Amino acid sequence: MVLKVLGFYSGFDERTKGYRYLRQYGCLLDEVAFFRVAIRNNGELFGAPSRHLINEIHKMGIKVLLTISNLTSQGHFSTELISRLVRDKEFSGQVWQAIRNMMAVYKFDGINLDLEKGVPGDRKLFTEFIRFWTIRFKQENFLISLDVPAKIADESGDIREGVFDYKALGKIADQIVIMSYEEHWPGSQPGSIASFPWVKQVLDYALESIPATKIFISIPLYGYDWNGSGRAKVVSFERANQIARRFGAPLKWDSQQHSTYFTYQVRDQKHTVYFEDLLSIKEKLDLAVAKGIGGIAVWQMNLSFNQFWEVLRPYV
């Protein structure tokens, strides 16, 4: 089976680390999503991609998606903005028109909606809002991709997951991108960001409600470095290996989480690092093939590394 590959491109032009991988490994990509254009409170959009880069990607035979987000300039997802979108039809129509105009002008092939932290009580309103936008975008022949949080049960009251009705949304969108990462996060105890047992649970649950061919599981290309104070920062595969070499820390395999980790000491603080490597990534690719899903979403291209693309090559 061949997996489709969606790559999230963080940035709007060629001045990003991801551009080098796009040029070198574009042949492995089916779609590239520009992350991100944000919706402002006045209904306008913030951010504009490079037309030259979009044309370059199209020449590679790759579809280009526009990721639209409710992420604020402070780095928080705006619950208030989603609440207004699902209730205020005039405002929602204004935003839709702004997105449609950008997509037409820049010749995007589709849209990737990254709308997070809606009010759980707005579940039905959110579903109808996505349905309404999808109908209108499909009339313009745009592909509709929707990002949803990973979950293993339908906890309708959960602040992060509750607004997303897998079964209903799976009937609406062309692609459902499951954000299968952040199992452990900066505020949690150290651990894998996407352990194999957890990802399998997430995928099995999704398959109960969403057609397999619409599902894209995310393949995260990072990890976290937790310090002794309980704080953590993102580390890439390359950075994690650099730290391990610098401190002479042996890499270990967590057989329960199926994840590589190591520990090191800085002055009086013990650090614990869990990160995604070639083995943990390959296990997830094998799982995607075994489950017969539509594809994977690479999060994100700026964090990628040459060995990852070579591991990916046989699956596409």
C-alpha atoms as a PDB file:
ATOM      1  CA  MET A   1       0.000   0.000   0.000  1.00  0.00           C
ATOM      2  CA  VAL A   2       1.142   3.545  -0.736  1.00  0.00           C
ATOM      3  CA  LEU A   3       0.670   6.221   1.917  1.00  0.00           C
ATOM      4  CA  LYS A   4      -0.132   9.786   0.936  1.00  0.00           C
ATOM      5  CA  VAL A   5       2.128  12.324   2.598  1.00  0.00           C
ATOM      6  CA  LEU A   6       1.108  15.780   3.787  1.00  0.00           C
ATOM      7  CA  GLY A   7       3.989  17.951   4.938  1.00  0.00           C
ATOM      8  CA  PHE A   8       3.378  20.925   7.208  1.00  0.00           C
ATOM      9  CA  TYR A   9       5.612  23.783   6.063  1.00  0.00           C
ATOM     10  CA  SER A  10       6.150  26.261   8.880  1.00  0.00           C
ATOM     11  CA  GLY A  11       6.766  29.615   7.249  1.00  0.00           C
ATOM     12  CA  PHE A  12       5.740  31.393   4.075  1.00  0.00           C
ATOM     13  CA  ASP A  13       8.853  31.526   1.936  1.00  0.00           C
ATOM     14  CA  GLU A  14      12.191  29.907   1.145  1.00  0.00           C
ATOM     15  CA  ARG A  15      13.930  31.258   4.257  1.00  0.00           C
ATOM     16  CA  THR A  16      13.171  28.256   6.447  1.00  0.00           C
ATOM     17  CA  LYS A  17      14.998  25.040   7.252  1.00  0.00           C
ATOM     18  CA  GLY A  18      12.109  23.115   5.712  1.00  0.00           C
ATOM     19  CA  TYR A  19      12.819  24.539   2.268  1.00  0.00           C
ATOM     20  CA  ARG A  20      15.961  22.450   1.891  1.00  0.00           C
ATOM     21  CA  TYR A  21      13.991  19.268   2.567  1.00  0.00           C
ATOM     22  CA  LEU A  22      11.227  20.393   0.234  1.00  0.00           C
ATOM     23  CA  ARG A  23      13.728  20.790  -2.588  1.00  0.00           C
ATOM     24  CA  GLN A  24      15.488  17.498  -1.865  1.00  0.00           C
ATOM     25  CA  TYR A  25      12.541  15.276  -0.962  1.00  0.00           C
ATOM     26  CA  GLY A  26       9.564  16.927  -2.630  1.00  0.00           C
ATOM     27  CA  CYS A  27       9.123  13.793  -4.725  1.00  0.00           C
ATOM     28  CA  LEU A  28       7.891  12.032  -1.564  1.00  0.00           C
ATOM     29  CA  LEU A  29       5.164  14.594  -0.847  1.00  0.00           C
ATOM     30  CA  ASP A  30       1.601  14.654  -2.147  1.00  0.00           C
ATOM     31  CA  GLU A  31       0.559  17.827  -0.343  1.00  0.00           C
ATOM     32  CA  VAL A  32       2.220  20.743   1.432  1.00  0.00           C
ATOM     33  CA  ALA A  33       0.283  22.821   3.964  1.00  0.00           C
ATOM     34  CA  PHE A  34       1.544  26.338   4.684  1.00  0.00           C
ATOM     35  CA  PHE A  35       1.346  26.788   8.454  1.00  0.00           C
ATOM     36  CA  ARG A  36      -0.153  29.200   9.252  1.00  0.00           C
ATOM     37  CA  VAL A  37      -2.456  32.096   8.309  1.00  0.00           C
ATOM     38  CA  ALA A  38      -4.378  33.334  11.345  1.00  0.00           C
ATOM     39  CA  ILE A  39      -7.878  34.779  11.593  1.00  0.00           C
ATOM     40  CA  ARG A  40      -7.925  38.175  13.247  1.00  0.00           C
ATOM     41  CA  ASN A  41     -10.765  39.374  15.469  1.00  0.00           C
ATOM     42  CA  ASN A  42     -11.860  41.815  12.761  1.00  0.00           C
ATOM     43  CA  GLY A  43     -12.331  38.991  10.246  1.00  0.00           C
ATOM     44  CA  GLU A  44      -9.182  39.725   8.273  1.00  0.00           C
ATOM     45  CA  LEU A  45      -6.305  37.285   7.764  1.00  0.00           C
ATOM     46  CA  PHE A  46      -2.758  37.650   9.070  1.00  0.00           C
ATOM     47  CA  GLY A  47       0.084  36.230   6.990  1.00  0.00           C
ATOM     48  CA  ALA A  48       0.758  35.817   3.288  1.00  0.00           C
ATOM     49  CA  PRO A  49       2.749  33.082   1.533  1.00  0.00           C
ATOM     50  CA  SER A  50       5.250  33.431  -1.284  1.00  0.00           C
ATOM     51  CA  ARG A  51       3.581  33.071  -4.680  1.00  0.00           C
ATOM     52  CA  HIS A  52       6.928  32.071  -6.133  1.00  0.00           C
ATOM     53  CA  LEU A  53       7.236  29.212  -3.649  1.00  0.00           C
ATOM     54  CA  ILE A  54       3.674  28.039  -4.331  1.00  0.00           C
ATOM     55  CA  ASN A  55       4.438  27.979  -8.050  1.00  0.00           C
ATOM     56  CA  GLU A  56       7.637  26.050  -7.355  1.00  0.00           C
ATOM     57  CA  ILE A  57       5.742  23.445  -5.321  1.00  0.00           C
ATOM     58  CA  HIS A  58       3.094  23.102  -8.025  1.00  0.00           C
ATOM     59  CA  LYS A  59       5.814  22.443 -10.581  1.00  0.00           C
ATOM     60  CA  MET A  60       6.881  19.490  -8.428  1.00  0.00           C
ATOM     61  CA  GLY A  61       3.391  18.035  -8.864  1.00  0.00           C
ATOM     62  CA  ILE A  62       2.458  18.698  -5.230  1.00  0.00           C
ATOM     63  CA  LYS A  63      -0.896  20.086  -4.054  1.00  0.00           C
ATOM     64  CA  VAL A  64      -0.679  23.175  -1.861  1.00  0.00           C
ATOM     65  CA  LEU A  65      -2.986  23.726   1.108  1.00  0.00           C
ATOM     66  CA  LEU A  66      -3.523  26.849   3.182  1.00  0.00           C
ATOM     67  CA  THR A  67      -3.618  26.198   6.928  1.00  0.00           C
ATOM     68  CA  ILE A  68      -6.059  28.533   8.637  1.00  0.00           C
ATOM     69  CA  SER A  69      -5.772  28.841  12.403  1.00  0.00           C
ATOM     70  CA  ASN A  70      -7.293  30.587  15.404  1.00  0.00           C
ATOM     71  CA  LEU A  71      -3.832  30.914  16.949  1.00  0.00           C
ATOM     72  CA  THR A  72      -3.223  34.384  18.344  1.00  0.00           C
ATOM     73  CA  SER A  73      -0.022  36.412  18.112  1.00  0.00           C
ATOM     74  CA  GLN A  74       0.616  35.413  21.745  1.00  0.00           C
ATOM     75  CA  GLY A  75       0.662  31.746  20.719  1.00  0.00           C
ATOM     76  CA  HIS A  76      -2.700  30.740  22.213  1.00  0.00           C
ATOM     77  CA  PHE A  77      -5.706  29.240  20.458  1.00  0.00           C
ATOM     78  CA  SER A  78      -8.630  31.642  20.770  1.00  0.00           C
ATOM     79  CA  THR A  79     -11.746  29.960  22.142  1.00  0.00           C
ATOM     80  CA  GLU A  80     -13.608  33.246  21.786  1.00  0.00           C
ATOM     81  CA  LEU A  81     -12.891  33.402  18.053  1.00  0.00           C
ATOM     82  CA  ILE A  82     -14.309  29.929  17.445  1.00  0.00           C
ATOM     83  CA  SER A  83     -17.387  30.783  19.495  1.00  0.00           C
ATOM     84  CA  ARG A  84     -17.955  33.823  17.292  1.00  0.00           C
ATOM     85  CA  LEU A  85     -17.385  31.857  14.076  1.00  0.00           C
ATOM     86  CA  VAL A  86     -19.984  29.223  14.980  1.00  0.00           C
ATOM     87  CA  ARG A  87     -22.593  31.751  16.145  1.00  0.00           C
ATOM     88  CA  ASP A  88     -22.181  34.869  14.000  1.00  0.00           C
ATOM     89  CA  LYS A  89     -23.048  33.921  10.423  1.00  0.00           C
ATOM     90  CA  GLU A  90     -22.186  37.362   9.075  1.00  0.00           C
ATOM     91  CA  PHE A  91     -18.731  37.214  10.642  1.00  0.00           C
ATOM     92  CA  SER A  92     -18.252  33.615   9.531  1.00  0.00           C
ATOM     93  CA  GLY A  93     -19.208  34.577   5.984  1.00  0.00           C
ATOM     94  CA  GLN A  94     -16.774  37.505   6.053  1.00  0.00           C
ATOM     95  CA  VAL A  95     -13.925  35.231   7.142  1.00  0.00           C
ATOM     96  CA  TRP A  96     -14.857  32.587   4.573  1.00  0.00           C
ATOM     97  CA  GLN A  97     -14.761  35.201   1.807  1.00  0.00           C
ATOM     98  CA  ALA A  98     -11.336  36.442   2.918  1.00  0.00           C
ATOM     99  CA  ILE A  99     -10.001  32.875   2.889  1.00  0.00           C
ATOM    100  CA  ARG A 100     -11.582  32.112  -0.466  1.00  0.00           C
ATOM    101  CA  ASN A 101     -10.055  35.251  -1.980  1.00  0.00           C
ATOM    102  CA  MET A 102      -6.585  34.356  -0.725  1.00  0.00           C
ATOM    103  CA  MET A 103      -6.907  30.791  -1.985  1.00  0.00           C
ATOM    104  CA  ALA A 104      -7.973  31.987  -5.420  1.00  0.00           C
ATOM    105  CA  VAL A 105      -5.301  34.672  -5.724  1.00  0.00           C
ATOM    106  CA  TYR A 106      -2.472  32.390  -4.558  1.00  0.00           C
ATOM    107  CA  LYS A 107      -3.825  29.331  -6.419  1.00  0.00           C
ATOM    108  CA  PHE A 108      -4.142  27.014  -3.438  1.00  0.00           C
ATOM    109  CA  ASP A 109      -5.610  23.568  -4.044  1.00  0.00           C
ATOM    110  CA  GLY A 110      -7.313  23.274  -0.692  1.00  0.00           C
ATOM    111  CA  ILE A 111      -7.597  24.343   2.896  1.00  0.00           C
ATOM    112  CA  ASN A 112      -6.368  22.813   6.132  1.00  0.00           C
ATOM    113  CA  LEU A 113      -8.431  23.976   9.106  1.00  0.00           C
ATOM    114  CA  ASP A 114      -6.547  24.092  12.399  1.00  0.00           C
ATOM    115  CA  LEU A 115      -9.221  25.438  14.730  1.00  0.00           C
ATOM    116  CA  GLU A 116      -8.524  24.349  18.289  1.00  0.00           C
ATOM    117  CA  LYS A 117      -9.969  24.723  21.795  1.00  0.00           C
ATOM    118  CA  GLY A 118     -13.595  25.322  20.916  1.00  0.00           C
ATOM    119  CA  VAL A 119     -16.112  25.211  23.758  1.00  0.00           C
ATOM    120  CA  PRO A 120     -17.226  21.581  24.265  1.00  0.00           C
ATOM    121  CA  GLY A 121     -20.828  22.752  24.547  1.00  0.00           C
ATOM    122  CA  ASP A 122     -20.565  24.135  21.003  1.00  0.00           C
ATOM    123  CA  ARG A 123     -20.054  20.647  19.539  1.00  0.00           C
ATOM    124  CA  LYS A 124     -23.133  20.687  17.286  1.00  0.00           C
ATOM    125  CA  LEU A 125     -22.622  24.316  16.312  1.00  0.00           C
ATOM    126  CA  PHE A 126     -18.992  23.597  15.420  1.00  0.00           C
ATOM    127  CA  THR A 127     -19.987  20.606  13.278  1.00  0.00           C
ATOM    128  CA  GLU A 128     -22.567  22.668  11.400  1.00  0.00           C
ATOM    129  CA  PHE A 129     -20.047  25.469  10.931  1.00  0.00           C
ATOM    130  CA  ILE A 130     -17.519  23.043   9.399  1.00  0.00           C
ATOM    131  CA  ARG A 131     -20.274  21.582   7.207  1.00  0.00           C
ATOM    132  CA  PHE A 132     -21.303  25.037   5.984  1.00  0.00           C
ATOM    133  CA  TRP A 133     -17.752  26.091   5.126  1.00  0.00           C
ATOM    134  CA  THR A 134     -17.037  22.733   3.481  1.00  0.00           C
ATOM    135  CA  ILE A 135     -20.048  22.991   1.200  1.00  0.00           C
ATOM    136  CA  ARG A 136     -18.969  26.435   0.080  1.00  0.00           C
ATOM    137  CA  PHE A 137     -15.330  25.459  -0.441  1.00  0.00           C
ATOM    138  CA  LYS A 138     -16.323  22.367  -2.401  1.00  0.00           C
ATOM    139  CA  GLN A 139     -18.394  24.550  -4.708  1.00  0.00           C
ATOM    140  CA  GLU A 140     -15.064  26.220  -5.522  1.00  0.00           C
ATOM    141  CA  ASN A 141     -13.421  22.760  -6.021  1.00  0.00           C
ATOM    142  CA  PHE A 142     -11.138  23.081  -2.998  1.00  0.00           C
ATOM    143  CA  LEU A 143      -9.960  20.089  -0.965  1.00  0.00           C
ATOM    144  CA  ILE A 144     -10.973  20.195   2.726  1.00  0.00           C
ATOM    145  CA  SER A 145      -8.538  18.983   5.384  1.00  0.00           C
ATOM    146  CA  LEU A 146      -9.381  19.216   9.089  1.00  0.00           C
ATOM    147  CA  ASP A 147      -7.011  18.867  12.055  1.00  0.00           C
ATOM    148  CA  VAL A 148      -8.470  17.085  15.081  1.00  0.00           C
ATOM    149  CA  PRO A 149      -6.929  16.267  18.478  1.00  0.00           C
ATOM    150  CA  ALA A 150      -5.980  12.679  19.223  1.00  0.00           C
ATOM    151  CA  LYS A 151      -8.350  10.861  21.566  1.00  0.00           C
ATOM    152  CA  ILE A 152      -9.109   7.320  22.659  1.00  0.00           C
ATOM    153  CA  ALA A 153     -12.682   7.928  23.837  1.00  0.00           C
ATOM    154  CA  ASP A 154     -15.431  10.437  23.165  1.00  0.00           C
ATOM    155  CA  GLU A 155     -15.033  12.748  26.143  1.00  0.00           C
ATOM    156  CA  SER A 156     -17.531  15.373  25.042  1.00  0.00           C
ATOM    157  CA  GLY A 157     -16.777  17.645  28.003  1.00  0.00           C
ATOM    158  CA  ASP A 158     -13.016  17.804  27.489  1.00  0.00           C
ATOM    159  CA  ILE A 159     -11.788  21.337  26.781  1.00  0.00           C
ATOM    160  CA  ARG A 160      -9.403  20.186  24.040  1.00  0.00           C
ATOM    161  CA  GLU A 161     -11.323  17.301  22.498  1.00  0.00           C
ATOM    162  CA  GLY A 162     -15.000  17.787  23.309  1.00  0.00           C
ATOM    163  CA  VAL A 163     -15.992  20.045  20.417  1.00  0.00           C
ATOM    164  CA  PHE A 164     -14.765  17.509  17.833  1.00  0.00           C
ATOM    165  CA  ASP A 165     -17.371  14.919  16.800  1.00  0.00           C
ATOM    166  CA  TYR A 166     -15.253  12.365  14.934  1.00  0.00           C
ATOM    167  CA  LYS A 167     -18.158  10.572  13.299  1.00  0.00           C
ATOM    168  CA  ALA A 168     -19.912  13.701  12.048  1.00  0.00           C
ATOM    169  CA  LEU A 169     -16.744  15.477  10.922  1.00  0.00           C
ATOM    170  CA  GLY A 170     -15.499  12.318   9.220  1.00  0.00           C
ATOM    171  CA  LYS A 171     -18.498  12.484   6.914  1.00  0.00           C
ATOM    172  CA  ILE A 172     -17.832  16.107   6.006  1.00  0.00           C
ATOM    173  CA  ALA A 173     -14.124  16.697   5.375  1.00  0.00           C
ATOM    174  CA  ASP A 174     -12.003  15.083   2.658  1.00  0.00           C
ATOM    175  CA  GLN A 175      -9.153  14.457   5.090  1.00  0.00           C
ATOM    176  CA  ILE A 176      -9.022  14.177   8.877  1.00  0.00           C
ATOM    177  CA  VAL A 177      -5.539  14.897  10.216  1.00  0.00           C
ATOM    178  CA  ILE A 178      -5.221  13.393  13.692  1.00  0.00           C
ATOM    179  CA  MET A 179      -2.747  15.325  15.816  1.00  0.00           C
ATOM    180  CA  SER A 180      -1.236  12.179  17.284  1.00  0.00           C
ATOM    181  CA  TYR A 181       1.378  13.830  19.472  1.00  0.00           C
ATOM    182  CA  GLU A 182       1.697  15.610  22.830  1.00  0.00           C
ATOM    183  CA  GLU A 183       0.861  12.456  24.791  1.00  0.00           C
ATOM    184  CA  HIS A 184       3.480  13.895  27.126  1.00  0.00           C
ATOM    185  CA  TRP A 185       4.012  17.649  27.049  1.00  0.00           C
ATOM    186  CA  PRO A 186       5.973  20.395  28.858  1.00  0.00           C
ATOM    187  CA  GLY A 187       3.598  20.321  31.826  1.00  0.00           C
ATOM    188  CA  SER A 188       3.584  16.544  32.237  1.00  0.00           C
ATOM    189  CA  GLN A 189       6.044  14.003  33.555  1.00  0.00           C
ATOM    190  CA  PRO A 190       8.760  13.044  31.050  1.00  0.00           C
ATOM    191  CA  GLY A 191       7.696  10.507  28.471  1.00  0.00           C
ATOM    192  CA  SER A 192       7.135   9.849  24.803  1.00  0.00           C
ATOM    193  CA  ILE A 193       5.234  12.499  22.887  1.00  0.00           C
ATOM    194  CA  ALA A 194       3.648   9.712  20.813  1.00  0.00           C
ATOM    195  CA  SER A 195       4.194   6.251  22.264  1.00  0.00           C
ATOM    196  CA  PHE A 196       3.356   3.373  19.951  1.00  0.00           C
ATOM    197  CA  PRO A 197       0.691   1.834  22.264  1.00  0.00           C
ATOM    198  CA  TRP A 198      -1.031   5.212  22.592  1.00  0.00           C
ATOM    199  CA  VAL A 199      -0.924   5.995  18.861  1.00  0.00           C
ATOM    200  CA  LYS A 200      -2.404   2.554  18.152  1.00  0.00           C
ATOM    201  CA  GLN A 201      -5.231   3.252  20.594  1.00  0.00           C
ATOM    202  CA  VAL A 202      -5.821   6.643  18.975  1.00  0.00           C
ATOM    203  CA  LEU A 203      -5.929   5.132  15.502  1.00  0.00           C
ATOM    204  CA  ASP A 204      -8.156   2.216  16.507  1.00  0.00           C
ATOM    205  CA  TYR A 205     -10.628   4.640  18.064  1.00  0.00           C
ATOM    206  CA  ALA A 206     -10.616   6.914  15.014  1.00  0.00           C
ATOM    207  CA  LEU A 207     -11.269   3.965  12.698  1.00  0.00           C
ATOM    208  CA  GLU A 208     -14.517   3.279  14.546  1.00  0.00           C
ATOM    209  CA  SER A 209     -15.932   6.598  13.321  1.00  0.00           C
ATOM    210  CA  ILE A 210     -13.938   7.893  10.342  1.00  0.00           C
ATOM    211  CA  PRO A 211     -13.430   6.179   6.952  1.00  0.00           C
ATOM    212  CA  ALA A 212      -9.901   4.773   6.883  1.00  0.00           C
ATOM    213  CA  THR A 213      -9.002   6.432   3.585  1.00  0.00           C
ATOM    214  CA  LYS A 214      -9.727   9.875   5.072  1.00  0.00           C
ATOM    215  CA  ILE A 215      -7.461   9.434   8.078  1.00  0.00           C
ATOM    216  CA  PHE A 216      -3.968  10.950   8.192  1.00  0.00           C
ATOM    217  CA  ILE A 217      -2.015  10.300  11.390  1.00  0.00           C
ATOM    218  CA  SER A 218       0.616  12.829  12.318  1.00  0.00           C
ATOM    219  CA  ILE A 219       4.256  11.774  12.465  1.00  0.00           C
ATOM    220  CA  PRO A 220       5.966  14.138  14.925  1.00  0.00           C
ATOM    221  CA  LEU A 221       9.657  14.819  14.391  1.00  0.00           C
ATOM    222  CA  TYR A 222      10.623  16.167  17.788  1.00  0.00           C
ATOM    223  CA  GLY A 223      10.724  15.491  21.500  1.00  0.00           C
ATOM    224  CA  TYR A 224      11.118  17.323  24.793  1.00  0.00           C
ATOM    225  CA  ASP A 225      13.980  17.991  27.180  1.00  0.00           C
ATOM    226  CA  TRP A 226      12.581  18.133  30.730  1.00  0.00           C
ATOM    227  CA  ASN A 227      14.724  19.747  33.407  1.00  0.00           C
ATOM    228  CA  GLY A 228      14.632  19.114  37.132  1.00  0.00           C
ATOM    229  CA  SER A 229      12.161  21.950  37.687  1.00  0.00           C
ATOM    230  CA  GLY A 230       9.487  20.294  35.588  1.00  0.00           C
ATOM    231  CA  ARG A 231       9.882  22.600  32.605  1.00  0.00           C
ATOM    232  CA  ALA A 232      10.558  21.328  29.109  1.00  0.00           C
ATOM    233  CA  LYS A 233      11.676  22.643  25.745  1.00  0.00           C
ATOM    234  CA  VAL A 234      11.332  21.216  22.257  1.00  0.00           C
ATOM    235  CA  VAL A 235      14.277  19.321  20.805  1.00  0.00           C
ATOM    236  CA  SER A 236      14.644  18.030  17.273  1.00  0.00           C
ATOM    237  CA  PHE A 237      16.136  14.627  16.438  1.00  0.00           C
ATOM    238  CA  GLU A 238      19.430  16.290  15.557  1.00  0.00           C
ATOM    239  CA  ARG A 239      19.499  18.481  18.667  1.00  0.00           C
ATOM    240  CA  ALA A 240      18.692  15.545  20.946  1.00  0.00           C
ATOM    241  CA  ASN A 241      21.593  13.557  19.525  1.00  0.00           C
ATOM    242  CA  GLN A 242      23.925  16.536  19.875  1.00  0.00           C
ATOM    243  CA  ILE A 243      23.023  16.889  23.567  1.00  0.00           C
ATOM    244  CA  ALA A 244      23.525  13.173  24.178  1.00  0.00           C
ATOM    245  CA  ARG A 245      26.965  13.259  22.562  1.00  0.00           C
ATOM    246  CA  ARG A 246      27.974  16.424  24.414  1.00  0.00           C
ATOM    247  CA  PHE A 247      27.193  14.928  27.834  1.00  0.00           C
ATOM    248  CA  GLY A 248      28.195  11.388  27.005  1.00  0.00           C
ATOM    249  CA  ALA A 249      24.679  10.172  27.735  1.00  0.00           C
ATOM    250  CA  PRO A 250      23.857   6.705  26.362  1.00  0.00           C
ATOM    251  CA  LEU A 251      20.656   6.431  24.346  1.00  0.00           C
ATOM    252  CA  LYS A 252      18.156   4.022  25.884  1.00  0.00           C
ATOM    253  CA  TRP A 253      15.000   2.355  24.537  1.00  0.00           C
ATOM    254  CA  ASP A 254      11.794   2.512  26.572  1.00  0.00           C
ATOM    255  CA  SER A 255      10.272  -0.866  25.696  1.00  0.00           C
ATOM    256  CA  GLN A 256       6.835   0.075  27.056  1.00  0.00           C
ATOM    257  CA  GLN A 257       6.498   3.394  25.223  1.00  0.00           C
ATOM    258  CA  HIS A 258       8.602   2.341  22.202  1.00  0.00           C
ATOM    259  CA  SER A 259      10.620   5.505  22.444  1.00  0.00           C
ATOM    260  CA  THR A 260      14.255   6.543  22.730  1.00  0.00           C
ATOM    261  CA  TYR A 261      15.312   8.560  25.768  1.00  0.00           C
ATOM    262  CA  PHE A 262      18.353   9.561  27.781  1.00  0.00           C
ATOM    263  CA  THR A 263      19.239  11.494  30.909  1.00  0.00           C
ATOM    264  CA  TYR A 264      22.032  13.936  31.665  1.00  0.00           C
ATOM    265  CA  GLN A 265      23.064  16.257  34.472  1.00  0.00           C
ATOM    266  CA  VAL A 266      23.669  20.022  34.325  1.00  0.00           C
ATOM    267  CA  ARG A 267      25.034  21.311  37.626  1.00  0.00           C
ATOM    268  CA  ASP A 268      22.427  20.140  40.159  1.00  0.00           C
ATOM    269  CA  GLN A 269      19.608  19.492  37.680  1.00  0.00           C
ATOM    270  CA  LYS A 270      18.824  16.156  36.067  1.00  0.00           C
ATOM    271  CA  HIS A 271      17.422  16.372  32.549  1.00  0.00           C
ATOM    272  CA  THR A 272      15.312  13.702  30.839  1.00  0.00           C
ATOM    273  CA  VAL A 273      14.930  13.719  27.063  1.00  0.00           C
ATOM    274  CA  TYR A 274      12.419  11.688  25.063  1.00  0.00           C
ATOM    275  CA  PHE A 275      12.429  12.117  21.299  1.00  0.00           C
ATOM    276  CA  GLU A 276      11.223  10.481  18.102  1.00  0.00           C
ATOM    277  CA  ASP A 277      13.877   8.560  16.192  1.00  0.00           C
ATOM    278  CA  LEU A 278      14.030   6.299  13.144  1.00  0.00           C
ATOM    279  CA  LEU A 279      12.778   3.202  14.964  1.00  0.00           C
ATOM    280  CA  SER A 280       9.769   4.834  16.617  1.00  0.00           C
ATOM    281  CA  ILE A 281       8.880   6.597  13.366  1.00  0.00           C
ATOM    282  CA  LYS A 282       9.132   3.395  11.333  1.00  0.00           C
ATOM    283  CA  GLU A 283       6.817   1.609  13.758  1.00  0.00           C
ATOM    284  CA  LYS A 284       4.178   4.274  13.195  1.00  0.00           C
ATOM    285  CA  LEU A 285       4.586   4.087   9.413  1.00  0.00           C
ATOM    286  CA  ASP A 286       4.143   0.296   9.578  1.00  0.00           C
ATOM    287  CA  LEU A 287       1.028   0.816  11.700  1.00  0.00           C
ATOM    288  CA  ALA A 288      -0.432   3.260   9.152  1.00  0.00           C
ATOM    289  CA  VAL A 289       0.075   0.720   6.377  1.00  0.00           C
ATOM    290  CA  ALA A 290      -1.314  -2.159   8.450  1.00  0.00           C
ATOM    291  CA  LYS A 291      -4.468  -0.194   9.269  1.00  0.00           C
ATOM    292  CA  GLY A 292      -5.028   0.841   5.651  1.00  0.00           C
ATOM    293  CA  ILE A 293      -5.396   4.548   6.352  1.00  0.00           C
ATOM    294  CA  GLY A 294      -5.076   7.298   3.777  1.00  0.00           C
ATOM    295  CA  GLY A 295      -1.746   8.746   4.779  1.00  0.00           C
ATOM    296  CA  ILE A 296       0.478  10.585   7.222  1.00  0.00           C
ATOM    297  CA  ALA A 297       1.058  14.219   8.121  1.00  0.00           C
ATOM    298  CA  VAL A 298       4.652  15.263   8.800  1.00  0.00           C
ATOM    299  CA  TRP A 299       4.846  17.632  11.778  1.00  0.00           C
ATOM    300  CA  GLN A 300       6.769  19.551  10.775  1.00  0.00           C
ATOM    301  CA  MET A 301       9.246  19.966   7.936  1.00  0.00           C
ATOM    302  CA  ASN A 302      11.515  22.436   9.774  1.00  0.00           C
ATOM    303  CA  LEU A 303      12.219  19.698  12.321  1.00  0.00           C
ATOM    304  CA  SER A 304      12.935  16.996   9.758  1.00  0.00           C
ATOM    305  CA  PHE A 305      16.274  15.384   8.935  1.00  0.00           C
ATOM    306  CA  ASN A 306      17.681  13.449   5.996  1.00  0.00           C
ATOM    307  CA  GLN A 307      17.405  10.003   7.599  1.00  0.00           C
ATOM    308  CA  PHE A 308      13.675  10.494   8.184  1.00  0.00           C
ATOM    309  CA  TRP A 309      12.977  11.013   4.490  1.00  0.00           C
ATOM    310  CA  GLU A 310      14.988   7.948   3.564  1.00  0.00           C
ATOM    311  CA  VAL A 311      12.981   5.863   6.053  1.00  0.00           C
ATOM    312  CA  LEU A 312       9.784   7.288   4.568  1.00  0.00           C
ATOM    313  CA  ARG A 313      10.731   6.579   0.949  1.00  0.00           C
ATOM    314  CA  PRO A 314       9.577   2.896   0.773  1.00  0.00           C
ATOM    315  CA  TYR A 315       6.124   3.790   2.093  1.00  0.00           C
ATOM    316  CA  VAL A 316       5.102   6.270  -0.603  1.00  0.00           C
END
